[in-house]
């Protein structure tokens, strides 16, 4: 898993690339990125499956914020990104969410 940030000079936006390699989710048929930026909606940000079996999604996120997020694999398995900037306990108290800071 990886997170790449590209800050734009022309506006207060950061292009954030989220990626899950095939080795990290070998059984994945679908992966969705859920987080505060999309109100945790599983239909909002499906990740694109690449030819090598990895999944990728680029989002424009407003700078100066922190966003909690997680991946939903095959509509049933929650995964965190080991490249998150930090982790926080989710509101249910049963798992941690990754956080990306832009």
C-alpha atoms as a PDB file:
ATOM      1  CA  UNK A   1       0.000   0.000   0.000  1.00  0.00           C
ATOM      2  CA  UNK A   2       1.165   3.484  -0.633  1.00  0.00           C
ATOM      3  CA  UNK A   3       0.089   7.091  -0.543  1.00  0.00           C
ATOM      4  CA  UNK A   4       1.647   9.725  -2.806  1.00  0.00           C
ATOM      5  CA  UNK A   5       0.945  13.436  -2.368  1.00  0.00           C
ATOM      6  CA  UNK A   6       1.348  16.099  -5.045  1.00  0.00           C
ATOM      7  CA  UNK A   7       0.598  19.653  -3.910  1.00  0.00           C
ATOM      8  CA  UNK A   8      -0.679  22.093  -6.522  1.00  0.00           C
ATOM      9  CA  UNK A   9       0.779  25.591  -6.616  1.00  0.00           C
ATOM     10  CA  UNK A  10      -2.247  27.114  -8.321  1.00  0.00           C
ATOM     11  CA  UNK A  11      -4.863  26.197  -5.671  1.00  0.00           C
ATOM     12  CA  UNK A  12      -5.105  24.783  -2.130  1.00  0.00           C
ATOM     13  CA  UNK A  13      -5.456  21.196  -3.325  1.00  0.00           C
ATOM     14  CA  UNK A  14      -3.310  18.110  -2.998  1.00  0.00           C
ATOM     15  CA  UNK A  15      -3.595  15.266  -5.500  1.00  0.00           C
ATOM     16  CA  UNK A  16      -3.375  12.153  -3.343  1.00  0.00           C
ATOM     17  CA  UNK A  17      -2.757   8.795  -5.001  1.00  0.00           C
ATOM     18  CA  UNK A  18      -3.902   5.772  -3.002  1.00  0.00           C
ATOM     19  CA  UNK A  19      -2.558   2.399  -4.148  1.00  0.00           C
ATOM     20  CA  UNK A  20      -2.882  -1.211  -3.036  1.00  0.00           C
ATOM     21  CA  UNK A  21      -0.453  -3.644  -4.644  1.00  0.00           C
ATOM     22  CA  UNK A  22      -1.615  -7.087  -5.761  1.00  0.00           C
ATOM     23  CA  UNK A  23       0.581  -8.759  -3.133  1.00  0.00           C
ATOM     24  CA  UNK A  24      -1.201  -6.866  -0.362  1.00  0.00           C
ATOM     25  CA  UNK A  25      -4.693  -7.983  -1.425  1.00  0.00           C
ATOM     26  CA  UNK A  26      -4.208 -10.995  -3.720  1.00  0.00           C
ATOM     27  CA  UNK A  27      -7.850 -12.104  -3.511  1.00  0.00           C
ATOM     28  CA  UNK A  28      -9.267  -8.616  -4.207  1.00  0.00           C
ATOM     29  CA  UNK A  29     -11.839  -8.373  -6.943  1.00  0.00           C
ATOM     30  CA  UNK A  30     -13.003  -4.899  -5.864  1.00  0.00           C
ATOM     31  CA  UNK A  31     -11.564  -2.228  -3.587  1.00  0.00           C
ATOM     32  CA  UNK A  32     -13.292   0.977  -2.510  1.00  0.00           C
ATOM     33  CA  UNK A  33     -11.721   3.894  -0.689  1.00  0.00           C
ATOM     34  CA  UNK A  34     -13.974   5.155   2.079  1.00  0.00           C
ATOM     35  CA  UNK A  35     -13.350   8.121   4.303  1.00  0.00           C
ATOM     36  CA  UNK A  36     -14.396  11.484   5.608  1.00  0.00           C
ATOM     37  CA  UNK A  37     -13.868  12.982   2.138  1.00  0.00           C
ATOM     38  CA  UNK A  38     -16.758  10.911   0.729  1.00  0.00           C
ATOM     39  CA  UNK A  39     -18.919  10.478   3.859  1.00  0.00           C
ATOM     40  CA  UNK A  40     -17.867   6.790   4.076  1.00  0.00           C
ATOM     41  CA  UNK A  41     -19.967   5.997   0.994  1.00  0.00           C
ATOM     42  CA  UNK A  42     -18.830   2.653  -0.530  1.00  0.00           C
ATOM     43  CA  UNK A  43     -20.186   3.602  -3.962  1.00  0.00           C
ATOM     44  CA  UNK A  44     -18.414   6.951  -4.163  1.00  0.00           C
ATOM     45  CA  UNK A  45     -14.745   6.020  -4.782  1.00  0.00           C
ATOM     46  CA  UNK A  46     -14.222   2.562  -6.287  1.00  0.00           C
ATOM     47  CA  UNK A  47     -10.568   2.034  -7.045  1.00  0.00           C
ATOM     48  CA  UNK A  48      -9.442   1.132 -10.559  1.00  0.00           C
ATOM     49  CA  UNK A  49      -7.908  -2.297 -10.994  1.00  0.00           C
ATOM     50  CA  UNK A  50      -4.718  -2.075 -13.031  1.00  0.00           C
ATOM     51  CA  UNK A  51      -3.286  -4.684 -15.400  1.00  0.00           C
ATOM     52  CA  UNK A  52      -0.747  -5.813 -12.788  1.00  0.00           C
ATOM     53  CA  UNK A  53      -3.572  -6.595 -10.318  1.00  0.00           C
ATOM     54  CA  UNK A  54      -3.032  -3.566  -8.095  1.00  0.00           C
ATOM     55  CA  UNK A  55      -5.697  -0.948  -7.370  1.00  0.00           C
ATOM     56  CA  UNK A  56      -5.276   2.824  -7.668  1.00  0.00           C
ATOM     57  CA  UNK A  57      -7.288   5.993  -7.110  1.00  0.00           C
ATOM     58  CA  UNK A  58      -6.336   9.677  -7.260  1.00  0.00           C
ATOM     59  CA  UNK A  59      -8.334  12.216  -5.244  1.00  0.00           C
ATOM     60  CA  UNK A  60      -8.076  15.996  -5.017  1.00  0.00           C
ATOM     61  CA  UNK A  61      -8.161  16.831  -1.311  1.00  0.00           C
ATOM     62  CA  UNK A  62      -8.274  20.309   0.193  1.00  0.00           C
ATOM     63  CA  UNK A  63      -5.026  21.168   1.961  1.00  0.00           C
ATOM     64  CA  UNK A  64      -4.842  22.050   5.637  1.00  0.00           C
ATOM     65  CA  UNK A  65      -6.988  19.081   6.684  1.00  0.00           C
ATOM     66  CA  UNK A  66      -6.723  15.563   8.059  1.00  0.00           C
ATOM     67  CA  UNK A  67      -8.940  12.849   6.592  1.00  0.00           C
ATOM     68  CA  UNK A  68      -9.729   9.475   8.153  1.00  0.00           C
ATOM     69  CA  UNK A  69     -10.036   6.615   5.671  1.00  0.00           C
ATOM     70  CA  UNK A  70      -9.990   2.848   5.141  1.00  0.00           C
ATOM     71  CA  UNK A  71     -10.160   0.441   2.223  1.00  0.00           C
ATOM     72  CA  UNK A  72     -13.080  -1.951   1.744  1.00  0.00           C
ATOM     73  CA  UNK A  73     -11.969  -5.080  -0.126  1.00  0.00           C
ATOM     74  CA  UNK A  74     -14.574  -7.293  -1.832  1.00  0.00           C
ATOM     75  CA  UNK A  75     -17.340  -5.373   0.008  1.00  0.00           C
ATOM     76  CA  UNK A  76     -16.542  -7.193   3.259  1.00  0.00           C
ATOM     77  CA  UNK A  77     -12.917  -6.830   4.434  1.00  0.00           C
ATOM     78  CA  UNK A  78     -11.676  -3.588   5.996  1.00  0.00           C
ATOM     79  CA  UNK A  79      -7.998  -2.745   5.522  1.00  0.00           C
ATOM     80  CA  UNK A  80      -5.804   0.105   6.715  1.00  0.00           C
ATOM     81  CA  UNK A  81      -2.955   1.578   4.708  1.00  0.00           C
ATOM     82  CA  UNK A  82       0.454   0.973   6.292  1.00  0.00           C
ATOM     83  CA  UNK A  83       1.580   4.255   4.692  1.00  0.00           C
ATOM     84  CA  UNK A  84      -1.024   6.383   6.529  1.00  0.00           C
ATOM     85  CA  UNK A  85       0.316   9.468   8.295  1.00  0.00           C
ATOM     86  CA  UNK A  86      -1.206   8.278  11.558  1.00  0.00           C
ATOM     87  CA  UNK A  87      -4.011   6.111  12.962  1.00  0.00           C
ATOM     88  CA  UNK A  88      -6.955   6.955  15.225  1.00  0.00           C
ATOM     89  CA  UNK A  89      -9.537   4.810  16.959  1.00  0.00           C
ATOM     90  CA  UNK A  90     -12.781   4.763  14.986  1.00  0.00           C
ATOM     91  CA  UNK A  91     -16.011   6.064  16.589  1.00  0.00           C
ATOM     92  CA  UNK A  92     -17.160   2.500  17.326  1.00  0.00           C
ATOM     93  CA  UNK A  93     -13.976   1.762  19.282  1.00  0.00           C
ATOM     94  CA  UNK A  94     -13.404  -1.564  17.553  1.00  0.00           C
ATOM     95  CA  UNK A  95     -10.678  -0.673  15.014  1.00  0.00           C
ATOM     96  CA  UNK A  96      -8.386   2.088  13.856  1.00  0.00           C
ATOM     97  CA  UNK A  97      -8.785   4.309  10.809  1.00  0.00           C
ATOM     98  CA  UNK A  98      -5.839   5.532   8.800  1.00  0.00           C
ATOM     99  CA  UNK A  99      -5.360   9.285   8.529  1.00  0.00           C
ATOM    100  CA  UNK A 100      -3.904  11.222   5.605  1.00  0.00           C
ATOM    101  CA  UNK A 101      -2.705  14.756   6.386  1.00  0.00           C
ATOM    102  CA  UNK A 102      -2.579  17.247   3.510  1.00  0.00           C
END
